[in-house]
């Protein structure tokens, strides 16, 4: 089988990942509890809305009707906003 031609080097060496890591050096990493916290908030908001729909508005907090949806969506929104700050 024929061997492929070797490419000529132009004398330039590429260092490993220096271009990628150079712009991320000053950004601090998130604490270890950040990811579990926002996942928990997203799931808690989802469960809150599921309980509200399954119980036809009787639970999780009775007598506030559609405000249960606002609370559930608010919890989920806080979790989503936390995902934007995760590093």
PDB file of N, CA and C in Angstrom:
ATOM      1  N   UNK A   1       0.842  -1.163   0.000  1.00  0.00           N
ATOM      2  CA  UNK A   1       0.000   0.000   0.000  1.00  0.00           C
ATOM      3  C   UNK A   1       0.895   1.236   0.000  1.00  0.00           C
ATOM      4  N   UNK A   2       0.460   2.261  -0.707  1.00  0.00           N
ATOM      5  CA  UNK A   2       1.248   3.482  -0.811  1.00  0.00           C
ATOM      6  C   UNK A   2       1.157   4.287   0.473  1.00  0.00           C
ATOM      7  N   UNK A   3       2.277   4.875   0.829  1.00  0.00           N
ATOM      8  CA  UNK A   3       2.302   5.694   2.030  1.00  0.00           C
ATOM      9  C   UNK A   3       1.921   7.126   1.667  1.00  0.00           C
ATOM     10  N   UNK A   4       1.090   7.752   2.524  1.00  0.00           N
ATOM     11  CA  UNK A   4       0.667   9.119   2.233  1.00  0.00           C
ATOM     12  C   UNK A   4       1.829  10.081   2.443  1.00  0.00           C
ATOM     13  N   UNK A   5       1.769  11.183   1.727  1.00  0.00           N
ATOM     14  CA  UNK A   5       2.835  12.178   1.836  1.00  0.00           C
ATOM     15  C   UNK A   5       2.777  12.864   3.189  1.00  0.00           C
ATOM     16  N   UNK A   6       3.909  13.129   3.743  1.00  0.00           N
ATOM     17  CA  UNK A   6       4.000  13.846   5.007  1.00  0.00           C
ATOM     18  C   UNK A   6       3.838  15.332   4.743  1.00  0.00           C
ATOM     19  N   UNK A   7       3.138  15.979   5.635  1.00  0.00           N
ATOM     20  CA  UNK A   7       2.965  17.425   5.486  1.00  0.00           C
ATOM     21  C   UNK A   7       4.213  18.149   5.957  1.00  0.00           C
ATOM     22  N   UNK A   8       4.500  19.208   5.286  1.00  0.00           N
ATOM     23  CA  UNK A   8       5.668  19.993   5.678  1.00  0.00           C
ATOM     24  C   UNK A   8       5.299  20.875   6.858  1.00  0.00           C
ATOM     25  N   UNK A   9       6.194  20.940   7.795  1.00  0.00           N
ATOM     26  CA  UNK A   9       5.982  21.813   8.942  1.00  0.00           C
ATOM     27  C   UNK A   9       6.478  23.198   8.583  1.00  0.00           C
ATOM     28  N   UNK A  10       5.729  24.183   9.011  1.00  0.00           N
ATOM     29  CA  UNK A  10       6.113  25.553   8.705  1.00  0.00           C
ATOM     30  C   UNK A  10       6.945  26.181   9.814  1.00  0.00           C
ATOM     31  N   UNK A  11       7.452  25.390  10.722  1.00  0.00           N
ATOM     32  CA  UNK A  11       8.307  25.910  11.780  1.00  0.00           C
ATOM     33  C   UNK A  11       7.528  26.420  12.973  1.00  0.00           C
ATOM     34  N   UNK A  12       6.206  26.367  12.922  1.00  0.00           N
ATOM     35  CA  UNK A  12       5.384  26.881  14.007  1.00  0.00           C
ATOM     36  C   UNK A  12       4.888  25.709  14.845  1.00  0.00           C
ATOM     37  N   UNK A  13       5.092  25.799  16.150  1.00  0.00           N
ATOM     38  CA  UNK A  13       4.600  24.765  17.049  1.00  0.00           C
ATOM     39  C   UNK A  13       3.388  25.280  17.782  1.00  0.00           C
ATOM     40  N   UNK A  14       2.408  24.434  17.902  1.00  0.00           N
ATOM     41  CA  UNK A  14       1.190  24.805  18.620  1.00  0.00           C
ATOM     42  C   UNK A  14       1.278  24.232  20.022  1.00  0.00           C
ATOM     43  N   UNK A  15       1.137  25.097  21.003  1.00  0.00           N
ATOM     44  CA  UNK A  15       1.168  24.608  22.379  1.00  0.00           C
ATOM     45  C   UNK A  15      -0.210  24.034  22.724  1.00  0.00           C
ATOM     46  N   UNK A  16      -0.226  23.164  23.672  1.00  0.00           N
ATOM     47  CA  UNK A  16      -1.465  22.455  23.981  1.00  0.00           C
ATOM     48  C   UNK A  16      -2.408  23.295  24.836  1.00  0.00           C
ATOM     49  N   UNK A  17      -3.541  23.627  24.290  1.00  0.00           N
ATOM     50  CA  UNK A  17      -4.666  24.278  24.973  1.00  0.00           C
ATOM     51  C   UNK A  17      -4.369  25.645  25.578  1.00  0.00           C
ATOM     52  N   UNK A  18      -3.310  26.310  25.205  1.00  0.00           N
ATOM     53  CA  UNK A  18      -3.052  27.625  25.789  1.00  0.00           C
ATOM     54  C   UNK A  18      -4.033  28.653  25.269  1.00  0.00           C
ATOM     55  N   UNK A  19      -4.477  28.504  24.044  1.00  0.00           N
ATOM     56  CA  UNK A  19      -5.440  29.456  23.499  1.00  0.00           C
ATOM     57  C   UNK A  19      -6.796  29.302  24.165  1.00  0.00           C
ATOM     58  N   UNK A  20      -7.153  28.102  24.516  1.00  0.00           N
ATOM     59  CA  UNK A  20      -8.447  27.859  25.143  1.00  0.00           C
ATOM     60  C   UNK A  20      -8.449  28.335  26.589  1.00  0.00           C
ATOM     61  N   UNK A  21      -7.402  28.043  27.333  1.00  0.00           N
ATOM     62  CA  UNK A  21      -7.377  28.358  28.754  1.00  0.00           C
ATOM     63  C   UNK A  21      -7.005  29.813  29.046  1.00  0.00           C
ATOM     64  N   UNK A  22      -6.515  30.542  28.096  1.00  0.00           N
ATOM     65  CA  UNK A  22      -6.056  31.896  28.384  1.00  0.00           C
ATOM     66  C   UNK A  22      -7.199  32.834  28.755  1.00  0.00           C
ATOM     67  N   UNK A  23      -8.363  32.683  28.161  1.00  0.00           N
ATOM     68  CA  UNK A  23      -9.457  33.606  28.472  1.00  0.00           C
ATOM     69  C   UNK A  23     -10.256  33.178  29.687  1.00  0.00           C
ATOM     70  N   UNK A  24     -10.064  31.965  30.197  1.00  0.00           N
ATOM     71  CA  UNK A  24     -10.805  31.503  31.364  1.00  0.00           C
ATOM     72  C   UNK A  24     -10.021  31.602  32.658  1.00  0.00           C
ATOM     73  N   UNK A  25      -8.820  32.135  32.617  1.00  0.00           N
ATOM     74  CA  UNK A  25      -7.972  32.152  33.809  1.00  0.00           C
ATOM     75  C   UNK A  25      -8.531  32.999  34.937  1.00  0.00           C
ATOM     76  N   UNK A  26      -9.156  34.119  34.664  1.00  0.00           N
ATOM     77  CA  UNK A  26      -9.619  35.009  35.718  1.00  0.00           C
ATOM     78  C   UNK A  26     -10.995  34.676  36.261  1.00  0.00           C
ATOM     79  N   UNK A  27     -11.684  33.712  35.671  1.00  0.00           N
ATOM     80  CA  UNK A  27     -13.046  33.390  36.084  1.00  0.00           C
ATOM     81  C   UNK A  27     -12.995  32.355  37.208  1.00  0.00           C
ATOM     82  N   UNK A  28     -13.547  32.697  38.373  1.00  0.00           N
ATOM     83  CA  UNK A  28     -13.517  31.721  39.467  1.00  0.00           C
ATOM     84  C   UNK A  28     -14.514  30.584  39.232  1.00  0.00           C
ATOM     85  N   UNK A  29     -14.189  29.410  39.728  1.00  0.00           N
ATOM     86  CA  UNK A  29     -15.093  28.276  39.613  1.00  0.00           C
ATOM     87  C   UNK A  29     -16.194  28.374  40.651  1.00  0.00           C
ATOM     88  N   UNK A  30     -17.328  27.752  40.358  1.00  0.00           N
ATOM     89  CA  UNK A  30     -18.449  27.732  41.295  1.00  0.00           C
ATOM     90  C   UNK A  30     -18.133  26.805  42.463  1.00  0.00           C
ATOM     91  N   UNK A  31     -18.767  27.069  43.611  1.00  0.00           N
ATOM     92  CA  UNK A  31     -18.577  26.145  44.735  1.00  0.00           C
ATOM     93  C   UNK A  31     -19.164  24.769  44.407  1.00  0.00           C
ATOM     94  N   UNK A  32     -18.768  23.775  45.145  1.00  0.00           N
ATOM     95  CA  UNK A  32     -19.204  22.398  44.865  1.00  0.00           C
ATOM     96  C   UNK A  32     -20.700  22.213  45.066  1.00  0.00           C
ATOM     97  N   UNK A  33     -21.333  23.032  45.918  1.00  0.00           N
ATOM     98  CA  UNK A  33     -22.747  22.869  46.214  1.00  0.00           C
ATOM     99  C   UNK A  33     -23.634  23.536  45.160  1.00  0.00           C
ATOM    100  N   UNK A  34     -23.058  24.295  44.241  1.00  0.00           N
ATOM    101  CA  UNK A  34     -23.843  25.087  43.286  1.00  0.00           C
ATOM    102  C   UNK A  34     -24.690  24.199  42.365  1.00  0.00           C
ATOM    103  N   UNK A  35     -24.079  23.211  41.737  1.00  0.00           N
ATOM    104  CA  UNK A  35     -24.806  22.351  40.794  1.00  0.00           C
ATOM    105  C   UNK A  35     -25.899  21.538  41.490  1.00  0.00           C
ATOM    106  N   UNK A  36     -25.639  20.884  42.624  1.00  0.00           N
ATOM    107  CA  UNK A  36     -26.743  20.177  43.285  1.00  0.00           C
ATOM    108  C   UNK A  36     -27.867  21.115  43.731  1.00  0.00           C
ATOM    109  N   UNK A  37     -27.519  22.350  44.079  1.00  0.00           N
ATOM    110  CA  UNK A  37     -28.553  23.293  44.518  1.00  0.00           C
ATOM    111  C   UNK A  37     -29.483  23.667  43.365  1.00  0.00           C
ATOM    112  N   UNK A  38     -28.932  23.980  42.188  1.00  0.00           N
ATOM    113  CA  UNK A  38     -29.842  24.378  41.120  1.00  0.00           C
ATOM    114  C   UNK A  38     -30.615  23.198  40.543  1.00  0.00           C
ATOM    115  N   UNK A  39     -30.035  22.014  40.556  1.00  0.00           N
ATOM    116  CA  UNK A  39     -30.788  20.841  40.110  1.00  0.00           C
ATOM    117  C   UNK A  39     -31.936  20.564  41.084  1.00  0.00           C
ATOM    118  N   UNK A  40     -31.673  20.704  42.377  1.00  0.00           N
ATOM    119  CA  UNK A  40     -32.712  20.512  43.383  1.00  0.00           C
ATOM    120  C   UNK A  40     -33.831  21.525  43.213  1.00  0.00           C
ATOM    121  N   UNK A  41     -33.490  22.789  42.961  1.00  0.00           N
ATOM    122  CA  UNK A  41     -34.518  23.807  42.769  1.00  0.00           C
ATOM    123  C   UNK A  41     -35.360  23.539  41.516  1.00  0.00           C
ATOM    124  N   UNK A  42     -34.710  23.123  40.444  1.00  0.00           N
ATOM    125  CA  UNK A  42     -35.459  22.809  39.227  1.00  0.00           C
ATOM    126  C   UNK A  42     -36.431  21.658  39.470  1.00  0.00           C
ATOM    127  N   UNK A  43     -35.972  20.614  40.146  1.00  0.00           N
ATOM    128  CA  UNK A  43     -36.835  19.470  40.416  1.00  0.00           C
ATOM    129  C   UNK A  43     -37.930  19.811  41.425  1.00  0.00           C
ATOM    130  N   UNK A  44     -37.614  20.616  42.426  1.00  0.00           N
ATOM    131  CA  UNK A  44     -38.606  21.020  43.417  1.00  0.00           C
ATOM    132  C   UNK A  44     -39.736  21.824  42.769  1.00  0.00           C
ATOM    133  N   UNK A  45     -39.377  22.739  41.877  1.00  0.00           N
ATOM    134  CA  UNK A  45     -40.396  23.505  41.166  1.00  0.00           C
ATOM    135  C   UNK A  45     -41.265  22.620  40.290  1.00  0.00           C
ATOM    136  N   UNK A  46     -40.639  21.639  39.637  1.00  0.00           N
ATOM    137  CA  UNK A  46     -41.390  20.713  38.803  1.00  0.00           C
ATOM    138  C   UNK A  46     -42.356  19.875  39.629  1.00  0.00           C
ATOM    139  N   UNK A  47     -41.880  19.368  40.762  1.00  0.00           N
ATOM    140  CA  UNK A  47     -42.749  18.573  41.639  1.00  0.00           C
ATOM    141  C   UNK A  47     -43.880  19.434  42.184  1.00  0.00           C
ATOM    142  N   UNK A  48     -43.588  20.689  42.518  1.00  0.00           N
ATOM    143  CA  UNK A  48     -44.614  21.607  43.025  1.00  0.00           C
ATOM    144  C   UNK A  48     -45.736  21.760  41.992  1.00  0.00           C
ATOM    145  N   UNK A  49     -45.369  21.968  40.733  1.00  0.00           N
ATOM    146  CA  UNK A  49     -46.377  22.116  39.681  1.00  0.00           C
ATOM    147  C   UNK A  49     -47.132  20.811  39.432  1.00  0.00           C
ATOM    148  N   UNK A  50     -46.432  19.684  39.497  1.00  0.00           N
ATOM    149  CA  UNK A  50     -47.100  18.399  39.292  1.00  0.00           C
ATOM    150  C   UNK A  50     -48.122  18.135  40.394  1.00  0.00           C
ATOM    151  N   UNK A  51     -47.765  18.424  41.636  1.00  0.00           N
ATOM    152  CA  UNK A  51     -48.707  18.241  42.745  1.00  0.00           C
ATOM    153  C   UNK A  51     -49.909  19.162  42.570  1.00  0.00           C
ATOM    154  N   UNK A  52     -49.671  20.385  42.134  1.00  0.00           N
ATOM    155  CA  UNK A  52     -50.771  21.331  41.920  1.00  0.00           C
ATOM    156  C   UNK A  52     -51.739  20.819  40.845  1.00  0.00           C
ATOM    157  N   UNK A  53     -51.196  20.331  39.728  1.00  0.00           N
ATOM    158  CA  UNK A  53     -52.053  19.842  38.655  1.00  0.00           C
ATOM    159  C   UNK A  53     -52.762  18.550  39.027  1.00  0.00           C
ATOM    160  N   UNK A  54     -52.059  17.615  39.647  1.00  0.00           N
ATOM    161  CA  UNK A  54     -52.664  16.331  39.991  1.00  0.00           C
ATOM    162  C   UNK A  54     -53.772  16.495  41.032  1.00  0.00           C
ATOM    163  N   UNK A  55     -53.574  17.408  41.973  1.00  0.00           N
ATOM    164  CA  UNK A  55     -54.579  17.609  43.026  1.00  0.00           C
ATOM    165  C   UNK A  55     -55.669  18.593  42.620  1.00  0.00           C
ATOM    166  N   UNK A  56     -55.668  19.056  41.382  1.00  0.00           N
ATOM    167  CA  UNK A  56     -56.659  20.023  40.874  1.00  0.00           C
ATOM    168  C   UNK A  56     -56.692  21.308  41.685  1.00  0.00           C
ATOM    169  N   UNK A  57     -55.546  21.754  42.133  1.00  0.00           N
ATOM    170  CA  UNK A  57     -55.431  23.035  42.825  1.00  0.00           C
ATOM    171  C   UNK A  57     -55.625  22.964  44.325  1.00  0.00           C
ATOM    172  N   UNK A  58     -55.820  21.775  44.888  1.00  0.00           N
ATOM    173  CA  UNK A  58     -56.045  21.655  46.335  1.00  0.00           C
ATOM    174  C   UNK A  58     -54.734  21.696  47.121  1.00  0.00           C
ATOM    175  N   UNK A  59     -53.657  21.255  46.530  1.00  0.00           N
ATOM    176  CA  UNK A  59     -52.358  21.219  47.184  1.00  0.00           C
ATOM    177  C   UNK A  59     -51.353  21.889  46.293  1.00  0.00           C
ATOM    178  N   UNK A  60     -50.187  22.222  46.667  1.00  0.00           N
ATOM    179  CA  UNK A  60     -49.481  22.113  47.926  1.00  0.00           C
ATOM    180  C   UNK A  60     -49.939  23.124  48.975  1.00  0.00           C
ATOM    181  N   UNK A  61     -50.409  24.295  48.583  1.00  0.00           N
ATOM    182  CA  UNK A  61     -50.959  25.242  49.552  1.00  0.00           C
ATOM    183  C   UNK A  61     -52.411  25.482  49.166  1.00  0.00           C
ATOM    184  N   UNK A  62     -53.353  25.053  49.999  1.00  0.00           N
ATOM    185  CA  UNK A  62     -54.760  25.253  49.645  1.00  0.00           C
ATOM    186  C   UNK A  62     -55.165  26.728  49.743  1.00  0.00           C
ATOM    187  N   UNK A  63     -56.184  27.083  49.023  1.00  0.00           N
ATOM    188  CA  UNK A  63     -56.838  28.404  49.054  1.00  0.00           C
ATOM    189  C   UNK A  63     -56.014  29.545  48.464  1.00  0.00           C
ATOM    190  N   UNK A  64     -54.960  29.259  47.711  1.00  0.00           N
ATOM    191  CA  UNK A  64     -54.292  30.352  47.010  1.00  0.00           C
ATOM    192  C   UNK A  64     -54.371  30.148  45.497  1.00  0.00           C
ATOM    193  N   UNK A  65     -55.090  29.152  45.078  1.00  0.00           N
ATOM    194  CA  UNK A  65     -55.386  28.806  43.679  1.00  0.00           C
ATOM    195  C   UNK A  65     -54.159  28.915  42.773  1.00  0.00           C
ATOM    196  N   UNK A  66     -54.192  29.782  41.781  1.00  0.00           N
ATOM    197  CA  UNK A  66     -53.148  29.829  40.751  1.00  0.00           C
ATOM    198  C   UNK A  66     -51.825  30.390  41.254  1.00  0.00           C
ATOM    199  N   UNK A  67     -51.777  30.924  42.449  1.00  0.00           N
ATOM    200  CA  UNK A  67     -50.506  31.385  42.994  1.00  0.00           C
ATOM    201  C   UNK A  67     -49.549  30.214  43.230  1.00  0.00           C
ATOM    202  N   UNK A  68     -50.121  29.007  43.351  1.00  0.00           N
ATOM    203  CA  UNK A  68     -49.256  27.820  43.431  1.00  0.00           C
ATOM    204  C   UNK A  68     -48.425  27.681  42.167  1.00  0.00           C
ATOM    205  N   UNK A  69     -48.997  28.003  41.018  1.00  0.00           N
ATOM    206  CA  UNK A  69     -48.235  27.956  39.765  1.00  0.00           C
ATOM    207  C   UNK A  69     -47.129  29.000  39.760  1.00  0.00           C
ATOM    208  N   UNK A  70     -47.415  30.176  40.273  1.00  0.00           N
ATOM    209  CA  UNK A  70     -46.416  31.243  40.334  1.00  0.00           C
ATOM    210  C   UNK A  70     -45.253  30.819  41.239  1.00  0.00           C
ATOM    211  N   UNK A  71     -45.576  30.200  42.364  1.00  0.00           N
ATOM    212  CA  UNK A  71     -44.536  29.745  43.285  1.00  0.00           C
ATOM    213  C   UNK A  71     -43.678  28.664  42.632  1.00  0.00           C
ATOM    214  N   UNK A  72     -44.321  27.676  41.999  1.00  0.00           N
ATOM    215  CA  UNK A  72     -43.578  26.599  41.345  1.00  0.00           C
ATOM    216  C   UNK A  72     -42.697  27.112  40.225  1.00  0.00           C
ATOM    217  N   UNK A  73     -43.232  27.994  39.395  1.00  0.00           N
ATOM    218  CA  UNK A  73     -42.436  28.560  38.305  1.00  0.00           C
ATOM    219  C   UNK A  73     -41.327  29.467  38.834  1.00  0.00           C
ATOM    220  N   UNK A  74     -41.594  30.158  39.947  1.00  0.00           N
ATOM    221  CA  UNK A  74     -40.567  31.004  40.556  1.00  0.00           C
ATOM    222  C   UNK A  74     -39.393  30.187  41.076  1.00  0.00           C
ATOM    223  N   UNK A  75     -39.700  29.055  41.705  1.00  0.00           N
ATOM    224  CA  UNK A  75     -38.633  28.168  42.192  1.00  0.00           C
ATOM    225  C   UNK A  75     -37.808  27.657  41.023  1.00  0.00           C
ATOM    226  N   UNK A  76     -38.492  27.271  39.937  1.00  0.00           N
ATOM    227  CA  UNK A  76     -37.778  26.788  38.759  1.00  0.00           C
ATOM    228  C   UNK A  76     -36.942  27.897  38.125  1.00  0.00           C
ATOM    229  N   UNK A  77     -37.442  29.131  38.129  1.00  0.00           N
ATOM    230  CA  UNK A  77     -36.707  30.247  37.541  1.00  0.00           C
ATOM    231  C   UNK A  77     -35.424  30.535  38.329  1.00  0.00           C
ATOM    232  N   UNK A  78     -35.494  30.441  39.642  1.00  0.00           N
ATOM    233  CA  UNK A  78     -34.290  30.632  40.448  1.00  0.00           C
ATOM    234  C   UNK A  78     -33.251  29.563  40.109  1.00  0.00           C
ATOM    235  N   UNK A  79     -33.702  28.319  39.951  1.00  0.00           N
ATOM    236  CA  UNK A  79     -32.792  27.247  39.559  1.00  0.00           C
ATOM    237  C   UNK A  79     -32.193  27.482  38.190  1.00  0.00           C
ATOM    238  N   UNK A  80     -33.023  27.956  37.251  1.00  0.00           N
ATOM    239  CA  UNK A  80     -32.506  28.234  35.911  1.00  0.00           C
ATOM    240  C   UNK A  80     -31.505  29.378  35.921  1.00  0.00           C
ATOM    241  N   UNK A  81     -31.773  30.424  36.674  1.00  0.00           N
ATOM    242  CA  UNK A  81     -30.831  31.547  36.751  1.00  0.00           C
ATOM    243  C   UNK A  81     -29.511  31.116  37.392  1.00  0.00           C
ATOM    244  N   UNK A  82     -29.584  30.145  38.294  1.00  0.00           N
ATOM    245  CA  UNK A  82     -28.338  29.633  38.882  1.00  0.00           C
ATOM    246  C   UNK A  82     -27.505  28.893  37.844  1.00  0.00           C
ATOM    247  N   UNK A  83     -28.159  28.264  36.857  1.00  0.00           N
ATOM    248  CA  UNK A  83     -27.398  27.559  35.831  1.00  0.00           C
ATOM    249  C   UNK A  83     -26.582  28.529  34.994  1.00  0.00           C
ATOM    250  N   UNK A  84     -27.035  29.763  34.866  1.00  0.00           N
ATOM    251  CA  UNK A  84     -26.303  30.735  34.059  1.00  0.00           C
ATOM    252  C   UNK A  84     -24.999  31.186  34.716  1.00  0.00           C
ATOM    253  N   UNK A  85     -24.911  31.075  36.030  1.00  0.00           N
ATOM    254  CA  UNK A  85     -23.706  31.481  36.760  1.00  0.00           C
ATOM    255  C   UNK A  85     -22.771  30.314  37.069  1.00  0.00           C
ATOM    256  N   UNK A  86     -23.144  29.110  36.626  1.00  0.00           N
ATOM    257  CA  UNK A  86     -22.350  27.919  36.934  1.00  0.00           C
ATOM    258  C   UNK A  86     -21.098  27.873  36.074  1.00  0.00           C
ATOM    259  N   UNK A  87     -19.949  27.650  36.665  1.00  0.00           N
ATOM    260  CA  UNK A  87     -18.689  27.548  35.939  1.00  0.00           C
ATOM    261  C   UNK A  87     -18.019  26.239  36.270  1.00  0.00           C
TER     262      UNK A  87
END
